[in-house]
């Protein structure tokens, strides 16, 4: 364990995309990193290796954030391996194949909402229980990763995903007010069209190539650009920001 560092951050969905980029950048800023993942152990181990190569300690923990016992174990493991958790990046998110609302099934809704909404709440709960001065903690920061979809609705594609991210926006607003006097800042980043593997899960791997040029900035974004906003909100440079939203969406 490093003796000189910024803190300990739990990054959910940390094995890929925005989560992996955030883990790497947080390590560059001195954070020890818990890489939470659901299925790809090899990718998670690779991110841990990248973090450790930068100096800070790291650990990978398999967890389904939609399951309460998994989330409790995730935070327990992070603290046992790295020390008290001082930051959470609520990044784990899923979507399913593009379709209309009249094609969405209850099973699909359960899968999307379990990870994107229940998971965000459960992870935020554990972070507050460990970081809040109300419970003897020393404070900390939470960054929720939402989506520009929460503002746009994603018609004909992912209205269920967009709705789940609308819930993340509301979680950010409500929780930020609940814990503002307890040493915890809660903010939100809303990515737009970002080049990650999530588009393949929706059935259109080339979605960034199709939609990127239509953005006001004329391109899609990168996971690293989103990570910059996330890590800034975690940092002391954002010490008077809570309940805030940063849209990393190329002007969309």
Protein backbone atom coordinates (compact mmCIF):
# COMPACT_ATOMS: atom_id res chain seq x y z
CA UNK A 1 0.00 0.00 0.00
CA UNK A 2 1.33 3.42 -0.95
CA UNK A 3 2.15 5.69 1.98
CA UNK A 4 1.57 8.89 0.02
CA UNK A 5 -1.54 9.14 -2.09
CA UNK A 6 -4.68 11.11 -2.83
CA UNK A 7 -7.14 8.54 -1.46
CA UNK A 8 -8.94 5.33 -2.36
CA UNK A 9 -11.46 5.29 -5.20
CA UNK A 10 -13.92 2.55 -6.13
CA UNK A 11 -14.66 2.60 -9.86
CA UNK A 12 -17.60 0.43 -10.91
CA UNK A 13 -17.56 -0.85 -14.46
CA UNK A 14 -13.83 -0.32 -14.14
CA UNK A 15 -12.58 -2.97 -16.54
CA UNK A 16 -13.50 -1.18 -19.77
CA UNK A 17 -14.32 2.09 -21.48
CA UNK A 18 -14.88 5.14 -19.31
CA UNK A 19 -14.31 3.17 -16.11
CA UNK A 20 -10.89 1.90 -17.19
CA UNK A 21 -9.85 5.36 -18.41
CA UNK A 22 -10.97 6.82 -15.07
CA UNK A 23 -9.02 4.20 -13.12
CA UNK A 24 -5.84 5.01 -15.05
CA UNK A 25 -6.23 8.78 -14.69
CA UNK A 26 -7.10 8.53 -11.00
CA UNK A 27 -3.91 6.52 -10.50
CA UNK A 28 -1.92 9.28 -12.19
CA UNK A 29 -3.40 11.64 -9.61
CA UNK A 30 -2.30 9.36 -6.79
CA UNK A 31 -5.44 7.39 -5.99
CA UNK A 32 -5.31 3.75 -5.01
CA UNK A 33 -7.97 2.12 -7.20
CA UNK A 34 -10.52 -0.62 -6.70
CA UNK A 35 -11.54 -1.85 -10.15
CA UNK A 36 -15.04 -3.31 -9.83
CA UNK A 37 -16.18 -5.54 -12.68
CA UNK A 38 -18.94 -8.03 -13.38
CA UNK A 39 -17.62 -10.48 -15.96
CA UNK A 40 -14.31 -9.71 -17.67
CA UNK A 41 -11.69 -10.69 -15.08
CA UNK A 42 -8.84 -10.57 -17.58
CA UNK A 43 -9.62 -6.99 -18.57
CA UNK A 44 -9.94 -5.98 -14.91
CA UNK A 45 -6.57 -7.53 -14.09
CA UNK A 46 -5.05 -5.62 -17.00
CA UNK A 47 -6.37 -2.31 -15.60
CA UNK A 48 -5.00 -3.22 -12.16
CA UNK A 49 -1.61 -3.83 -13.78
CA UNK A 50 -1.73 -0.43 -15.48
CA UNK A 51 -2.59 1.30 -12.21
CA UNK A 52 0.16 -0.47 -10.31
CA UNK A 53 2.67 0.43 -13.03
CA UNK A 54 1.85 4.07 -12.30
CA UNK A 55 2.65 3.61 -8.61
CA UNK A 56 -0.56 3.35 -6.57
CA UNK A 57 -1.97 0.10 -5.22
CA UNK A 58 -4.95 -1.51 -6.94
CA UNK A 59 -7.32 -4.43 -6.59
CA UNK A 60 -9.93 -5.98 -8.89
CA UNK A 61 -13.22 -7.15 -7.36
CA UNK A 62 -15.93 -9.07 -9.20
CA UNK A 63 -19.35 -7.75 -8.21
CA UNK A 64 -22.84 -7.39 -9.65
CA UNK A 65 -23.77 -3.92 -8.44
CA UNK A 66 -27.46 -4.80 -8.61
CA UNK A 67 -27.00 -7.28 -5.75
CA UNK A 68 -26.79 -5.80 -2.26
CA UNK A 69 -24.50 -8.49 -0.87
CA UNK A 70 -22.09 -8.05 -3.79
CA UNK A 71 -21.89 -4.30 -3.20
CA UNK A 72 -21.21 -4.75 0.51
CA UNK A 73 -18.47 -7.26 -0.29
CA UNK A 74 -17.04 -4.90 -2.93
CA UNK A 75 -16.56 -2.07 -0.45
CA UNK A 76 -15.34 -4.37 2.31
CA UNK A 77 -12.74 -5.84 -0.02
CA UNK A 78 -11.63 -2.42 -1.23
CA UNK A 79 -11.12 -1.18 2.32
CA UNK A 80 -9.34 -4.31 3.47
CA UNK A 81 -6.94 -4.17 0.52
CA UNK A 82 -6.41 -0.43 0.11
CA UNK A 83 -7.65 1.44 3.16
CA UNK A 84 -10.70 3.65 3.83
CA UNK A 85 -12.68 4.50 0.69
CA UNK A 86 -12.65 8.24 -0.02
CA UNK A 87 -14.23 8.33 -3.48
CA UNK A 88 -16.75 6.47 -5.63
CA UNK A 89 -17.23 6.61 -9.38
CA UNK A 90 -20.68 5.16 -10.07
CA UNK A 91 -19.91 4.15 -13.65
CA UNK A 92 -21.34 0.63 -14.15
CA UNK A 93 -24.00 0.73 -16.81
CA UNK A 94 -25.65 -1.52 -19.37
CA UNK A 95 -27.90 -1.15 -22.37
CA UNK A 96 -29.56 -3.63 -24.67
CA UNK A 97 -30.27 -3.78 -28.37
CA UNK A 98 -31.84 -0.76 -29.99
CA UNK A 99 -35.63 -0.91 -30.07
CA UNK A 100 -38.80 1.08 -29.53
CA UNK A 101 -40.65 1.33 -26.22
CA UNK A 102 -43.44 -0.91 -27.55
CA UNK A 103 -40.85 -3.66 -27.98
CA UNK A 104 -39.35 -3.46 -24.47
CA UNK A 105 -40.07 -6.37 -22.15
CA UNK A 106 -40.25 -6.49 -18.36
CA UNK A 107 -37.18 -8.74 -18.28
CA UNK A 108 -35.18 -6.19 -20.26
CA UNK A 109 -36.29 -3.39 -17.95
CA UNK A 110 -35.27 -5.40 -14.91
CA UNK A 111 -31.80 -5.99 -16.33
CA UNK A 112 -31.21 -2.35 -17.28
CA UNK A 113 -32.63 -0.84 -14.12
CA UNK A 114 -30.91 -3.35 -11.83
CA UNK A 115 -27.45 -2.22 -12.92
CA UNK A 116 -28.05 1.39 -13.86
CA UNK A 117 -30.39 2.47 -11.05
CA UNK A 118 -30.38 -0.08 -8.23
CA UNK A 119 -26.61 -0.47 -8.58
CA UNK A 120 -26.00 3.27 -8.44
CA UNK A 121 -28.11 3.60 -5.29
CA UNK A 122 -26.54 0.61 -3.54
CA UNK A 123 -23.01 1.79 -4.26
CA UNK A 124 -23.83 5.33 -3.16
CA UNK A 125 -25.29 3.93 0.07
CA UNK A 126 -22.10 2.04 0.90
CA UNK A 127 -19.97 5.06 0.06
CA UNK A 128 -22.01 7.31 2.36
CA UNK A 129 -21.93 4.80 5.21
CA UNK A 130 -18.14 4.75 5.02
CA UNK A 131 -17.34 8.38 4.14
CA UNK A 132 -19.96 10.49 5.92
CA UNK A 133 -18.94 12.37 9.07
CA UNK A 134 -22.32 11.27 10.43
CA UNK A 135 -20.91 7.75 10.65
CA UNK A 136 -17.40 8.67 11.72
CA UNK A 137 -15.96 9.05 8.23
CA UNK A 138 -13.72 11.83 6.97
CA UNK A 139 -15.78 12.83 3.97
CA UNK A 140 -15.21 12.15 0.30
CA UNK A 141 -16.61 12.51 -3.18
CA UNK A 142 -19.04 10.62 -5.41
CA UNK A 143 -19.25 11.08 -9.15
CA UNK A 144 -22.22 9.49 -10.91
CA UNK A 145 -21.82 8.73 -14.60
CA UNK A 146 -25.10 9.50 -16.31
CA UNK A 147 -25.57 10.19 -20.03
CA UNK A 148 -26.69 12.91 -22.40
CA UNK A 149 -29.46 10.39 -23.12
CA UNK A 150 -31.14 11.52 -19.90
CA UNK A 151 -31.77 14.89 -21.61
CA UNK A 152 -32.41 13.57 -25.11
CA UNK A 153 -34.59 10.51 -24.45
CA UNK A 154 -32.92 8.22 -27.05
CA UNK A 155 -36.08 7.65 -29.12
CA UNK A 156 -36.08 4.55 -31.36
CA UNK A 157 -32.95 3.32 -29.60
CA UNK A 158 -32.76 3.14 -25.79
CA UNK A 159 -35.58 4.98 -24.02
CA UNK A 160 -35.19 2.55 -21.12
CA UNK A 161 -31.47 3.34 -20.83
CA UNK A 162 -32.22 7.07 -21.07
CA UNK A 163 -34.82 6.75 -18.31
CA UNK A 164 -32.36 4.90 -16.09
CA UNK A 165 -29.89 7.74 -16.53
CA UNK A 166 -32.63 10.23 -15.67
CA UNK A 167 -32.85 8.40 -12.35
CA UNK A 168 -29.09 8.81 -11.91
CA UNK A 169 -29.47 12.55 -12.47
CA UNK A 170 -32.15 12.71 -9.76
CA UNK A 171 -30.03 10.60 -7.41
CA UNK A 172 -27.24 13.14 -7.87
CA UNK A 173 -29.46 16.08 -6.99
CA UNK A 174 -31.12 14.49 -3.97
CA UNK A 175 -28.08 12.81 -2.47
CA UNK A 176 -25.90 15.89 -2.92
CA UNK A 177 -28.27 17.83 -0.69
CA UNK A 178 -28.59 15.03 1.87
CA UNK A 179 -24.88 14.69 2.52
CA UNK A 180 -23.52 18.18 1.75
CA UNK A 181 -23.10 18.93 5.46
CA UNK A 182 -21.50 15.52 6.08
CA UNK A 183 -18.30 16.09 4.11
CA UNK A 184 -19.42 14.36 0.90
CA UNK A 185 -19.73 16.03 -2.49
CA UNK A 186 -21.94 14.34 -5.11
CA UNK A 187 -21.64 15.38 -8.74
CA UNK A 188 -22.46 13.97 -12.15
CA UNK A 189 -20.86 13.65 -15.57
CA UNK A 190 -23.07 13.13 -18.63
CA UNK A 191 -21.14 11.71 -21.59
CA UNK A 192 -22.46 12.01 -25.11
CA UNK A 193 -21.37 9.92 -28.10
CA UNK A 194 -18.20 8.32 -26.75
CA UNK A 195 -16.08 5.67 -28.45
CA UNK A 196 -16.48 2.68 -26.13
CA UNK A 197 -17.61 -0.93 -26.50
CA UNK A 198 -21.10 -0.21 -25.16
CA UNK A 199 -22.39 0.56 -28.67
CA UNK A 200 -21.72 -3.01 -29.80
CA UNK A 201 -23.98 -4.21 -26.98
CA UNK A 202 -26.73 -2.11 -28.53
CA UNK A 203 -26.25 -3.79 -31.88
CA UNK A 204 -24.44 -0.95 -33.66
CA UNK A 205 -20.65 -1.09 -33.18
CA UNK A 206 -20.21 1.79 -35.64
CA UNK A 207 -22.64 4.16 -33.92
CA UNK A 208 -19.91 6.68 -33.05
CA UNK A 209 -18.84 6.83 -36.71
CA UNK A 210 -22.46 7.41 -37.75
CA UNK A 211 -23.49 9.97 -35.15
CA UNK A 212 -20.17 11.56 -34.22
CA UNK A 213 -19.90 13.79 -37.31
CA UNK A 214 -23.42 15.11 -36.60
CA UNK A 215 -22.41 16.60 -33.24
CA UNK A 216 -21.75 20.35 -32.99
CA UNK A 217 -18.03 19.59 -32.55
CA UNK A 218 -18.13 17.25 -35.54
CA UNK A 219 -16.84 14.11 -33.81
CA UNK A 220 -17.42 11.58 -31.09
CA UNK A 221 -15.56 11.79 -27.81
CA UNK A 222 -13.09 9.52 -26.06
CA UNK A 223 -13.24 7.75 -22.73
CA UNK A 224 -10.19 9.72 -21.65
CA UNK A 225 -12.01 13.02 -22.20
CA UNK A 226 -14.83 11.85 -19.92
CA UNK A 227 -12.33 10.64 -17.32
CA UNK A 228 -10.81 14.12 -17.12
CA UNK A 229 -14.15 15.56 -15.99
CA UNK A 230 -14.74 12.73 -13.52
CA UNK A 231 -11.34 13.01 -11.85
CA UNK A 232 -11.60 16.80 -11.67
CA UNK A 233 -14.91 16.47 -9.80
CA UNK A 234 -13.29 14.01 -7.40
CA UNK A 235 -10.43 16.41 -6.70
CA UNK A 236 -10.03 19.26 -4.25
CA UNK A 237 -10.07 21.58 -7.26
CA UNK A 238 -13.85 21.03 -7.26
CA UNK A 239 -14.16 21.57 -3.51
CA UNK A 240 -17.17 23.93 -3.77
CA UNK A 241 -19.05 21.91 -6.38
CA UNK A 242 -21.85 19.55 -5.37
CA UNK A 243 -25.06 18.67 -7.17
CA UNK A 244 -23.32 19.82 -10.37
CA UNK A 245 -23.46 18.33 -13.87
CA UNK A 246 -20.75 18.37 -16.50
CA UNK A 247 -21.91 17.45 -20.00
CA UNK A 248 -19.07 15.89 -21.97
CA UNK A 249 -21.08 15.67 -25.16
CA UNK A 250 -19.43 17.77 -27.84
CA UNK A 251 -22.10 20.46 -27.61
CA UNK A 252 -25.05 18.13 -28.11
